[in-house]
Structures are given as C-alpha cells and as structure tokens.
N, C-alpha and C. Protein backbone atom coordinates (compact mmCIF):
# COMPACT_ATOMS: atom_id res chain seq x y z
N ALA A 1 -25.72 20.87 9.46
CA ALA A 1 -26.14 21.79 10.36
C ALA A 1 -27.37 21.31 11.18
N LEU A 2 -27.90 20.20 10.60
CA LEU A 2 -29.20 19.47 11.22
C LEU A 2 -28.65 18.49 12.57
N TYR A 3 -27.50 18.15 12.37
CA TYR A 3 -26.90 17.17 13.26
C TYR A 3 -25.58 17.66 14.00
N ASP A 4 -25.49 17.35 15.26
CA ASP A 4 -24.29 17.78 15.98
C ASP A 4 -23.05 16.79 15.76
N ASP A 5 -22.00 17.05 16.32
CA ASP A 5 -20.78 16.54 15.65
C ASP A 5 -20.72 14.98 15.94
N ALA A 6 -21.31 14.67 17.39
CA ALA A 6 -21.36 13.31 18.00
C ALA A 6 -22.21 12.36 17.20
N GLN A 7 -23.34 13.02 16.78
CA GLN A 7 -24.26 12.18 15.67
C GLN A 7 -23.53 12.02 14.41
N ILE A 8 -22.80 12.84 13.92
CA ILE A 8 -22.01 12.50 12.69
C ILE A 8 -20.92 11.61 12.84
N GLY A 9 -20.14 11.63 14.11
CA GLY A 9 -19.20 10.89 14.35
C GLY A 9 -19.69 9.52 14.45
N ALA A 10 -20.83 9.22 15.32
CA ALA A 10 -21.27 7.66 15.38
C ALA A 10 -21.73 7.08 14.02
N ALA A 11 -22.26 7.92 13.14
CA ALA A 11 -22.67 7.37 11.90
C ALA A 11 -21.58 7.08 11.06
N VAL A 12 -20.56 8.00 10.92
CA VAL A 12 -19.28 7.82 10.06
C VAL A 12 -18.61 6.70 10.68
N ARG A 13 -18.59 6.40 12.01
CA ARG A 13 -17.83 5.18 12.59
C ARG A 13 -18.38 3.92 12.03
N ASP A 14 -19.72 3.85 11.86
CA ASP A 14 -20.64 2.62 11.52
C ASP A 14 -20.11 2.64 10.11
N ILE A 15 -20.22 3.52 9.24
CA ILE A 15 -19.79 3.54 7.82
C ILE A 15 -18.46 2.94 7.54
N HIS A 16 -17.39 3.44 8.39
CA HIS A 16 -15.89 3.10 8.33
C HIS A 16 -15.87 1.58 8.67
N GLU A 17 -16.31 1.20 9.55
CA GLU A 17 -16.44 -0.32 10.03
C GLU A 17 -16.94 -1.23 9.00
N ASN A 18 -18.14 -0.85 8.35
CA ASN A 18 -18.70 -1.69 7.36
C ASN A 18 -17.72 -1.70 6.00
N CYS A 19 -17.16 -0.50 5.89
CA CYS A 19 -16.34 -0.50 4.66
C CYS A 19 -15.12 -1.10 4.75
N LYS A 20 -14.52 -1.15 6.03
CA LYS A 20 -13.33 -2.10 6.31
C LYS A 20 -13.69 -3.60 6.33
N ARG A 21 -14.94 -3.92 6.79
CA ARG A 21 -15.40 -5.21 6.70
C ARG A 21 -15.45 -5.83 5.22
N ILE A 22 -15.99 -4.91 4.39
CA ILE A 22 -15.96 -5.25 2.77
C ILE A 22 -14.55 -5.42 2.30
N VAL A 23 -13.82 -4.29 2.49
CA VAL A 23 -12.45 -4.51 2.00
C VAL A 23 -11.89 -5.65 2.54
N ASP A 24 -11.87 -6.00 3.71
CA ASP A 24 -11.10 -7.09 4.05
C ASP A 24 -11.79 -8.54 3.61
N LYS A 25 -12.95 -8.67 3.46
CA LYS A 25 -13.67 -9.55 2.75
C LYS A 25 -13.15 -9.97 1.49
N TYR A 26 -13.15 -8.99 0.38
CA TYR A 26 -12.83 -9.17 -0.93
C TYR A 26 -11.34 -8.83 -1.04
N VAL A 27 -10.54 -8.15 -0.44
CA VAL A 27 -9.38 -7.76 -0.84
C VAL A 27 -8.23 -8.16 0.07
N ALA A 28 -8.50 -8.14 1.41
CA ALA A 28 -7.52 -8.46 2.43
C ALA A 28 -6.34 -7.84 2.31
N PRO A 29 -6.06 -6.36 2.40
CA PRO A 29 -4.67 -5.74 2.17
C PRO A 29 -3.75 -6.14 3.24
N GLN A 30 -2.53 -6.16 2.64
CA GLN A 30 -1.29 -6.54 3.15
C GLN A 30 -0.30 -5.47 2.80
N ALA A 31 0.61 -5.13 3.79
CA ALA A 31 1.66 -4.21 3.27
C ALA A 31 2.82 -5.04 2.31
N VAL A 32 3.35 -4.24 1.37
CA VAL A 32 4.15 -4.87 0.60
C VAL A 32 5.57 -5.16 1.15
N LEU A 33 6.02 -4.03 2.13
CA LEU A 33 7.36 -4.14 2.85
C LEU A 33 6.79 -4.44 4.40
N ASP A 34 7.56 -5.14 5.04
CA ASP A 34 7.55 -5.35 6.38
C ASP A 34 7.96 -4.23 7.36
N GLN A 35 9.00 -3.55 6.83
CA GLN A 35 9.53 -2.37 7.49
C GLN A 35 8.53 -1.11 7.57
N ALA A 36 8.64 -0.47 8.74
CA ALA A 36 7.70 0.53 9.03
C ALA A 36 8.24 1.82 8.11
N GLU A 37 7.36 2.79 7.89
CA GLU A 37 7.67 4.10 7.26
C GLU A 37 8.73 4.96 8.06
N GLY A 38 9.91 5.28 7.30
CA GLY A 38 10.79 6.09 8.11
C GLY A 38 11.97 5.04 8.41
N GLU A 39 11.83 3.64 8.32
CA GLU A 39 12.92 2.85 8.63
C GLU A 39 14.03 2.67 7.49
N GLN A 40 15.20 2.36 7.64
CA GLN A 40 16.15 2.08 6.59
C GLN A 40 15.68 0.76 5.85
N ILE A 41 16.13 0.56 4.76
CA ILE A 41 16.04 -0.58 4.09
C ILE A 41 17.03 -0.83 2.83
N THR A 42 17.42 -2.16 2.44
CA THR A 42 18.13 -2.15 1.36
C THR A 42 17.29 -2.96 0.34
N VAL A 43 17.07 -2.43 -0.86
CA VAL A 43 16.48 -3.09 -1.86
C VAL A 43 17.31 -3.95 -2.67
N PRO A 44 17.18 -5.25 -2.73
CA PRO A 44 18.03 -6.07 -3.45
C PRO A 44 17.89 -6.08 -5.12
N ALA A 45 18.94 -6.59 -5.67
CA ALA A 45 18.81 -6.49 -7.02
C ALA A 45 17.75 -7.22 -7.84
N ASP A 46 17.35 -8.19 -7.20
CA ASP A 46 15.98 -8.85 -7.96
C ASP A 46 14.57 -8.24 -7.54
N PHE A 47 14.60 -6.99 -6.87
CA PHE A 47 13.31 -6.46 -6.64
C PHE A 47 12.42 -6.29 -7.71
N ASP A 48 11.11 -6.09 -7.34
CA ASP A 48 10.02 -6.02 -8.26
C ASP A 48 9.59 -4.56 -8.52
N PRO A 49 9.92 -4.03 -9.55
CA PRO A 49 9.63 -2.61 -10.06
C PRO A 49 8.34 -2.41 -9.88
N ASN A 50 7.43 -3.20 -10.12
CA ASN A 50 5.92 -3.12 -9.87
C ASN A 50 5.52 -2.87 -8.58
N ALA A 51 6.26 -3.59 -7.68
CA ALA A 51 5.93 -3.48 -6.14
C ALA A 51 6.63 -2.50 -5.37
N ILE A 52 7.77 -2.25 -5.73
CA ILE A 52 8.78 -1.05 -5.10
C ILE A 52 8.99 0.01 -5.98
N LYS A 53 8.62 1.25 -5.96
CA LYS A 53 8.83 2.26 -6.77
C LYS A 53 10.03 3.13 -5.87
N LEU A 54 11.14 3.27 -6.61
CA LEU A 54 12.28 3.98 -6.17
C LEU A 54 12.04 5.49 -6.34
N ILE A 55 12.32 6.44 -5.53
CA ILE A 55 12.22 7.89 -5.70
C ILE A 55 13.58 8.47 -5.14
N GLY A 56 13.77 9.65 -5.45
CA GLY A 56 15.13 10.33 -4.76
C GLY A 56 16.01 10.18 -5.90
N ASN A 57 17.44 10.06 -5.26
CA ASN A 57 18.64 9.89 -5.94
C ASN A 57 19.00 8.51 -6.38
N VAL A 58 18.12 8.01 -7.50
CA VAL A 58 18.22 6.64 -8.03
C VAL A 58 19.52 6.60 -9.05
N THR A 59 20.56 6.27 -8.83
CA THR A 59 21.52 6.02 -9.81
C THR A 59 22.58 4.82 -9.57
N GLY A 60 22.95 4.23 -10.48
CA GLY A 60 23.64 3.16 -10.52
C GLY A 60 22.95 1.75 -10.50
N GLN A 61 23.55 0.76 -9.94
CA GLN A 61 22.82 -0.48 -9.88
C GLN A 61 22.36 -0.92 -8.67
N PRO A 62 21.27 -1.66 -8.48
CA PRO A 62 20.79 -2.39 -7.14
C PRO A 62 21.92 -3.25 -6.62
N PRO A 63 22.11 -3.33 -5.30
CA PRO A 63 21.29 -2.97 -3.89
C PRO A 63 21.11 -1.49 -3.85
N PHE A 64 20.03 -1.13 -3.63
CA PHE A 64 19.83 0.39 -3.21
C PHE A 64 19.75 0.46 -1.53
N LYS A 65 20.36 1.58 -1.09
CA LYS A 65 19.86 1.68 0.30
C LYS A 65 19.12 2.98 0.44
N GLY A 66 18.04 2.93 1.35
CA GLY A 66 16.90 4.06 1.32
C GLY A 66 16.25 3.90 2.45
N ILE A 67 15.09 4.87 2.64
CA ILE A 67 14.20 4.83 3.58
C ILE A 67 12.82 4.68 3.04
N VAL A 68 12.13 3.69 3.79
CA VAL A 68 10.71 3.61 3.37
C VAL A 68 9.92 4.67 3.58
N ARG A 69 9.24 5.16 2.62
CA ARG A 69 8.45 6.36 2.48
C ARG A 69 7.11 5.98 2.61
N HIS A 70 6.71 4.77 1.85
CA HIS A 70 5.35 4.25 1.94
C HIS A 70 5.38 2.71 1.93
N ARG A 71 4.69 2.00 2.64
CA ARG A 71 4.90 0.56 2.76
C ARG A 71 4.36 -0.13 1.34
N GLY A 72 3.50 0.37 0.87
CA GLY A 72 2.68 -0.12 -0.18
C GLY A 72 1.72 -1.03 0.46
N TRP A 73 0.75 -1.35 -0.45
CA TRP A 73 -0.30 -2.43 -0.19
C TRP A 73 -0.67 -3.47 -1.29
N ARG A 74 -0.75 -4.47 -0.82
CA ARG A 74 -0.82 -5.87 -1.74
C ARG A 74 -2.24 -6.53 -1.39
N ALA A 75 -3.13 -6.99 -2.24
CA ALA A 75 -4.20 -7.77 -1.88
C ALA A 75 -3.66 -9.03 -1.46
N ARG A 76 -4.17 -9.70 -0.43
CA ARG A 76 -3.86 -11.14 -0.23
C ARG A 76 -4.95 -12.12 -0.98
N LYS A 77 -6.06 -11.53 -1.25
CA LYS A 77 -6.77 -12.29 -2.08
C LYS A 77 -7.64 -11.19 -2.98
N SER A 78 -8.14 -11.69 -3.88
CA SER A 78 -8.89 -10.58 -4.83
C SER A 78 -10.05 -11.28 -5.48
N ASP A 79 -11.18 -10.90 -5.16
CA ASP A 79 -12.52 -11.49 -5.65
C ASP A 79 -13.10 -10.40 -6.81
N LEU A 80 -12.34 -9.47 -7.13
CA LEU A 80 -12.52 -8.45 -8.16
C LEU A 80 -12.26 -8.84 -9.38
N PRO A 81 -12.84 -8.42 -10.50
CA PRO A 81 -12.44 -8.80 -11.91
C PRO A 81 -11.14 -8.13 -12.27
N ILE A 82 -10.40 -8.94 -13.11
CA ILE A 82 -9.10 -8.55 -13.59
C ILE A 82 -9.17 -7.70 -14.86
N LEU A 83 -8.82 -6.35 -14.82
CA LEU A 83 -8.96 -5.46 -16.04
C LEU A 83 -7.73 -5.60 -16.89
N SER A 84 -6.67 -5.84 -16.38
CA SER A 84 -5.55 -5.79 -17.32
C SER A 84 -4.71 -7.15 -16.90
N GLY A 85 -4.17 -7.78 -18.03
CA GLY A 85 -3.29 -9.08 -17.79
C GLY A 85 -1.78 -8.92 -17.70
N GLY A 86 -1.31 -7.40 -17.93
CA GLY A 86 0.10 -6.95 -17.72
C GLY A 86 0.57 -6.76 -16.35
N LEU A 87 -0.41 -6.36 -15.30
CA LEU A 87 0.33 -6.07 -14.03
C LEU A 87 -0.31 -7.05 -13.07
N ASP A 88 0.13 -7.11 -11.97
CA ASP A 88 -0.17 -7.84 -10.91
C ASP A 88 -1.69 -7.31 -10.48
N PRO A 89 -2.59 -8.07 -10.56
CA PRO A 89 -3.78 -7.47 -10.10
C PRO A 89 -3.93 -7.53 -8.41
N ALA A 90 -3.05 -7.98 -7.86
CA ALA A 90 -3.14 -7.99 -6.37
C ALA A 90 -2.40 -6.80 -5.75
N LEU A 91 -1.77 -6.08 -6.75
CA LEU A 91 -0.92 -5.18 -6.30
C LEU A 91 -1.84 -3.76 -5.92
N ILE A 92 -2.06 -3.15 -5.00
CA ILE A 92 -2.77 -2.08 -4.87
C ILE A 92 -2.28 -0.85 -5.02
N ALA A 93 -1.05 -0.44 -4.32
CA ALA A 93 -0.15 0.68 -4.40
C ALA A 93 1.25 0.15 -4.24
N PRO A 94 2.45 0.57 -5.15
CA PRO A 94 3.48 0.11 -4.78
C PRO A 94 4.24 0.82 -3.63
N ALA A 95 5.06 -0.06 -2.82
CA ALA A 95 5.72 0.78 -1.90
C ALA A 95 6.55 1.79 -2.54
N GLU A 96 7.13 2.70 -1.62
CA GLU A 96 8.04 3.73 -2.21
C GLU A 96 9.22 3.65 -1.30
N VAL A 97 10.55 3.69 -1.91
CA VAL A 97 11.57 3.93 -1.15
C VAL A 97 12.52 5.08 -1.63
N GLU A 98 12.76 5.99 -0.82
CA GLU A 98 13.54 7.23 -1.15
C GLU A 98 15.06 6.84 -1.04
N VAL A 99 15.76 6.69 -2.23
CA VAL A 99 17.23 6.36 -2.29
C VAL A 99 18.01 7.57 -1.92
N SER A 100 19.07 7.53 -1.17
CA SER A 100 19.94 8.75 -0.87
C SER A 100 21.11 8.39 -1.41
C-alpha cells in the first residue's frame, strides 16, 4: 500500500532482469525439444525417458505420435554442485508429449 503499481513494476522488472542474468550465467537453459508447444511430434524408439515424459494414452511400443505439451528444459552448462550421480544434472525439467 505504500507504493503504486508503477513503482512496484519498475522494481520487479529489475529483479527479473538480474535473475535472468544469473540463471543464464550459471545454467544457460535450452529447450529439450525444438518443436513448439501444441505441435505434432513423433518420439523415436531410442528416446531418453529422463528427457521426454510421455503422458496420455501410452500403449504399445515406440515410435509414439503425440502433441508437445511442454518443451522441457536442459542446462547447456552447469556450474552448480551435482547432488545425484543417477540422473542427468543438466536436465531441469523433462519435456512432456501427450500420446493420442
């Protein structure tokens, strides 16, 4: 209540720009899939299940045809500590493909 919306917006804009700079410096996020959300995709038989999460009517064997629901995020670099040896530390969030 002490500040108007324009003052809050200006402050938040600076905070977001600084956060983006730090994330880009240490993680440099990159989409797992090149296709845009909502586009059709064929997931090949040799897909990485840690990088692409299949959702929906998943039956049978790959290749699977579906729609990209989330492109996923991968770190192009990581200057952060590795907490687990079992998973790809560069994978931030798996992509999601809804199989129809």
